[in-house]
């Protein structure tokens, strides 16, 4: 039987992916915050999983990195 992830587990994966891709593309939290029109402190909370990211924000980041939005879910087993 396949184990289903909880909402919190999915958000943890997304948070980890945000950090991974930001570092991969060499952007600061300030720069990504600017892209999302939020402070770098607010963005930091997204990466730490303290706040949840909106779908529109995830889309904007994917657009900035020129990747498909599904890359943020690549470590999630559904």
N, C-alpha and C. Protein backbone atom coordinates (compact mmCIF):
# COMPACT_ATOMS: atom_id res chain seq x y z
N UNK A 1 0.84 -1.18 0.00
CA UNK A 1 0.00 0.00 0.00
C UNK A 1 0.88 1.25 0.00
N UNK A 2 0.54 2.21 -0.82
CA UNK A 2 1.31 3.44 -0.96
C UNK A 2 1.01 4.39 0.20
N UNK A 3 2.06 4.97 0.76
CA UNK A 3 1.91 5.93 1.84
C UNK A 3 1.61 7.30 1.25
N UNK A 4 0.58 7.94 1.78
CA UNK A 4 0.24 9.28 1.32
C UNK A 4 0.90 10.30 2.24
N UNK A 5 1.37 11.35 1.62
CA UNK A 5 1.99 12.43 2.39
C UNK A 5 0.93 13.36 2.94
N UNK A 6 1.22 13.94 4.07
CA UNK A 6 0.34 14.94 4.65
C UNK A 6 0.62 16.29 3.98
N UNK A 7 -0.27 17.24 4.19
CA UNK A 7 -0.05 18.59 3.68
C UNK A 7 1.27 19.15 4.20
N UNK A 8 1.53 18.95 5.47
CA UNK A 8 2.76 19.47 6.06
C UNK A 8 3.99 18.86 5.41
N UNK A 9 3.96 17.59 5.13
CA UNK A 9 5.10 16.92 4.49
C UNK A 9 5.33 17.47 3.08
N UNK A 10 4.27 17.71 2.35
CA UNK A 10 4.41 18.29 1.01
C UNK A 10 5.02 19.68 1.10
N UNK A 11 4.57 20.48 2.05
CA UNK A 11 5.12 21.83 2.22
C UNK A 11 6.58 21.80 2.64
N UNK A 12 6.98 20.79 3.40
CA UNK A 12 8.39 20.64 3.77
C UNK A 12 9.25 20.36 2.54
N UNK A 13 8.73 19.54 1.65
CA UNK A 13 9.46 19.24 0.41
C UNK A 13 9.60 20.51 -0.43
N UNK A 14 8.52 21.25 -0.57
CA UNK A 14 8.56 22.48 -1.36
C UNK A 14 9.55 23.46 -0.75
N UNK A 15 9.53 23.61 0.57
CA UNK A 15 10.47 24.52 1.24
C UNK A 15 11.91 24.12 0.94
N UNK A 16 12.20 22.84 1.02
CA UNK A 16 13.56 22.36 0.73
C UNK A 16 13.93 22.62 -0.72
N UNK A 17 12.98 22.46 -1.61
CA UNK A 17 13.23 22.71 -3.03
C UNK A 17 13.48 24.20 -3.30
N UNK A 18 12.75 25.07 -2.59
CA UNK A 18 12.98 26.51 -2.75
C UNK A 18 14.43 26.85 -2.43
N UNK A 19 14.93 26.32 -1.33
CA UNK A 19 16.32 26.56 -0.94
C UNK A 19 17.28 25.97 -1.97
N UNK A 20 17.04 24.75 -2.36
CA UNK A 20 17.93 24.07 -3.31
C UNK A 20 18.04 24.84 -4.63
N UNK A 21 16.89 25.23 -5.18
CA UNK A 21 16.93 25.93 -6.47
C UNK A 21 17.50 27.34 -6.35
N UNK A 22 17.20 28.03 -5.25
CA UNK A 22 17.77 29.38 -5.08
C UNK A 22 19.28 29.31 -5.06
N UNK A 23 19.82 28.35 -4.33
CA UNK A 23 21.28 28.20 -4.27
C UNK A 23 21.85 27.76 -5.63
N UNK A 24 21.14 26.85 -6.28
CA UNK A 24 21.60 26.37 -7.60
C UNK A 24 21.71 27.52 -8.59
N UNK A 25 20.76 28.43 -8.56
CA UNK A 25 20.75 29.54 -9.51
C UNK A 25 21.45 30.79 -8.98
N UNK A 26 22.03 30.68 -7.78
CA UNK A 26 22.88 31.74 -7.25
C UNK A 26 22.16 33.03 -6.90
N UNK A 27 20.93 32.93 -6.46
CA UNK A 27 20.20 34.13 -6.08
C UNK A 27 20.17 34.29 -4.56
N UNK A 28 20.10 35.51 -4.13
CA UNK A 28 19.96 35.79 -2.70
C UNK A 28 18.48 35.73 -2.32
N UNK A 29 18.24 35.63 -1.03
CA UNK A 29 16.86 35.68 -0.56
C UNK A 29 16.26 37.05 -0.87
N UNK A 30 17.07 38.08 -0.83
CA UNK A 30 16.60 39.42 -1.16
C UNK A 30 16.11 39.48 -2.60
N UNK A 31 16.87 38.90 -3.53
CA UNK A 31 16.50 38.91 -4.95
C UNK A 31 15.19 38.14 -5.17
N UNK A 32 15.08 36.97 -4.57
CA UNK A 32 13.85 36.18 -4.75
C UNK A 32 12.68 36.91 -4.09
N UNK A 33 12.93 37.53 -2.93
CA UNK A 33 11.89 38.33 -2.30
C UNK A 33 11.42 39.45 -3.22
N UNK A 34 12.36 40.10 -3.89
CA UNK A 34 12.00 41.16 -4.84
C UNK A 34 11.13 40.62 -5.97
N UNK A 35 11.47 39.44 -6.46
CA UNK A 35 10.68 38.82 -7.54
C UNK A 35 9.24 38.60 -7.08
N UNK A 36 9.10 38.21 -5.81
CA UNK A 36 7.77 37.91 -5.26
C UNK A 36 7.11 39.13 -4.62
N UNK A 37 7.83 40.26 -4.58
CA UNK A 37 7.33 41.47 -3.95
C UNK A 37 7.07 41.28 -2.46
N UNK A 38 8.00 40.54 -1.81
CA UNK A 38 7.95 40.34 -0.36
C UNK A 38 9.35 40.60 0.18
N UNK A 39 9.47 40.74 1.48
CA UNK A 39 10.79 40.98 2.08
C UNK A 39 11.62 39.69 2.07
N UNK A 40 12.94 39.87 2.22
CA UNK A 40 13.78 38.68 2.28
C UNK A 40 13.48 37.88 3.55
N UNK A 41 13.02 38.55 4.62
CA UNK A 41 12.63 37.84 5.83
C UNK A 41 11.42 36.95 5.58
N UNK A 42 10.45 37.49 4.82
CA UNK A 42 9.27 36.69 4.48
C UNK A 42 9.67 35.50 3.61
N UNK A 43 10.58 35.75 2.66
CA UNK A 43 11.03 34.65 1.81
C UNK A 43 11.77 33.60 2.62
N UNK A 44 12.58 34.04 3.57
CA UNK A 44 13.31 33.11 4.44
C UNK A 44 12.34 32.17 5.15
N UNK A 45 11.22 32.69 5.59
CA UNK A 45 10.21 31.86 6.25
C UNK A 45 9.62 30.82 5.30
N UNK A 46 9.54 31.15 4.02
CA UNK A 46 9.06 30.17 3.04
C UNK A 46 10.04 29.01 2.93
N UNK A 47 11.34 29.33 2.87
CA UNK A 47 12.36 28.29 2.77
C UNK A 47 12.45 27.43 4.03
N UNK A 48 12.14 28.02 5.17
CA UNK A 48 12.19 27.28 6.42
C UNK A 48 10.90 26.51 6.69
N UNK A 49 9.91 26.71 5.84
CA UNK A 49 8.63 26.04 6.02
C UNK A 49 7.77 26.66 7.10
N UNK A 50 8.14 27.86 7.55
CA UNK A 50 7.36 28.54 8.58
C UNK A 50 6.11 29.20 7.98
N UNK A 51 6.21 29.61 6.72
CA UNK A 51 5.07 30.14 5.97
C UNK A 51 4.89 29.28 4.72
N UNK A 52 3.70 29.23 4.23
CA UNK A 52 3.42 28.45 3.02
C UNK A 52 3.38 29.35 1.81
N UNK A 53 3.90 28.83 0.72
CA UNK A 53 3.98 29.61 -0.50
C UNK A 53 2.68 29.48 -1.28
N UNK A 54 2.28 30.57 -1.92
CA UNK A 54 1.11 30.57 -2.79
C UNK A 54 1.50 30.01 -4.15
N UNK A 55 0.54 29.43 -4.83
CA UNK A 55 0.78 28.87 -6.16
C UNK A 55 1.32 29.93 -7.12
N UNK A 56 0.79 31.13 -7.05
CA UNK A 56 1.25 32.20 -7.93
C UNK A 56 2.71 32.54 -7.66
N UNK A 57 3.12 32.52 -6.39
CA UNK A 57 4.51 32.79 -6.04
C UNK A 57 5.42 31.70 -6.58
N UNK A 58 4.99 30.45 -6.44
CA UNK A 58 5.77 29.33 -6.94
C UNK A 58 5.94 29.43 -8.45
N UNK A 59 4.87 29.85 -9.12
CA UNK A 59 4.92 30.04 -10.58
C UNK A 59 5.94 31.11 -10.95
N UNK A 60 5.94 32.23 -10.23
CA UNK A 60 6.89 33.31 -10.54
C UNK A 60 8.34 32.87 -10.35
N UNK A 61 8.58 32.09 -9.31
CA UNK A 61 9.95 31.59 -9.09
C UNK A 61 10.34 30.62 -10.20
N UNK A 62 9.46 29.72 -10.55
CA UNK A 62 9.74 28.78 -11.63
C UNK A 62 10.03 29.53 -12.93
N UNK A 63 9.27 30.58 -13.16
CA UNK A 63 9.47 31.40 -14.35
C UNK A 63 10.86 32.06 -14.33
N UNK A 64 11.26 32.57 -13.17
CA UNK A 64 12.57 33.20 -13.04
C UNK A 64 13.70 32.20 -13.31
N UNK A 65 13.53 30.97 -12.84
CA UNK A 65 14.55 29.93 -13.03
C UNK A 65 14.43 29.22 -14.38
N UNK A 66 13.38 29.55 -15.14
CA UNK A 66 13.10 28.88 -16.43
C UNK A 66 12.99 27.37 -16.26
N UNK A 67 12.22 26.97 -15.23
CA UNK A 67 11.96 25.56 -15.00
C UNK A 67 10.45 25.33 -14.92
N UNK A 68 10.05 24.09 -15.07
CA UNK A 68 8.64 23.75 -14.90
C UNK A 68 8.31 23.74 -13.41
N UNK A 69 7.13 24.18 -13.09
CA UNK A 69 6.71 24.27 -11.69
C UNK A 69 6.74 22.90 -11.01
N UNK A 70 6.58 21.83 -11.78
CA UNK A 70 6.57 20.49 -11.17
C UNK A 70 7.92 20.10 -10.58
N UNK A 71 8.97 20.83 -10.91
CA UNK A 71 10.29 20.55 -10.32
C UNK A 71 10.28 20.74 -8.81
N UNK A 72 9.39 21.59 -8.30
CA UNK A 72 9.30 21.81 -6.86
C UNK A 72 8.66 20.63 -6.14
N UNK A 73 8.04 19.76 -6.92
CA UNK A 73 7.38 18.58 -6.35
C UNK A 73 8.12 17.29 -6.69
N UNK A 74 9.29 17.40 -7.26
CA UNK A 74 9.97 16.23 -7.80
C UNK A 74 10.35 15.20 -6.75
N UNK A 75 10.49 15.60 -5.50
CA UNK A 75 10.83 14.64 -4.45
C UNK A 75 9.61 14.12 -3.70
N UNK A 76 8.44 14.43 -4.20
CA UNK A 76 7.21 14.03 -3.53
C UNK A 76 6.65 12.80 -4.22
N UNK A 77 6.37 11.76 -3.45
CA UNK A 77 5.75 10.54 -3.98
C UNK A 77 4.25 10.61 -3.74
N UNK A 78 3.50 10.69 -4.82
CA UNK A 78 2.04 10.71 -4.70
C UNK A 78 1.47 9.34 -4.90
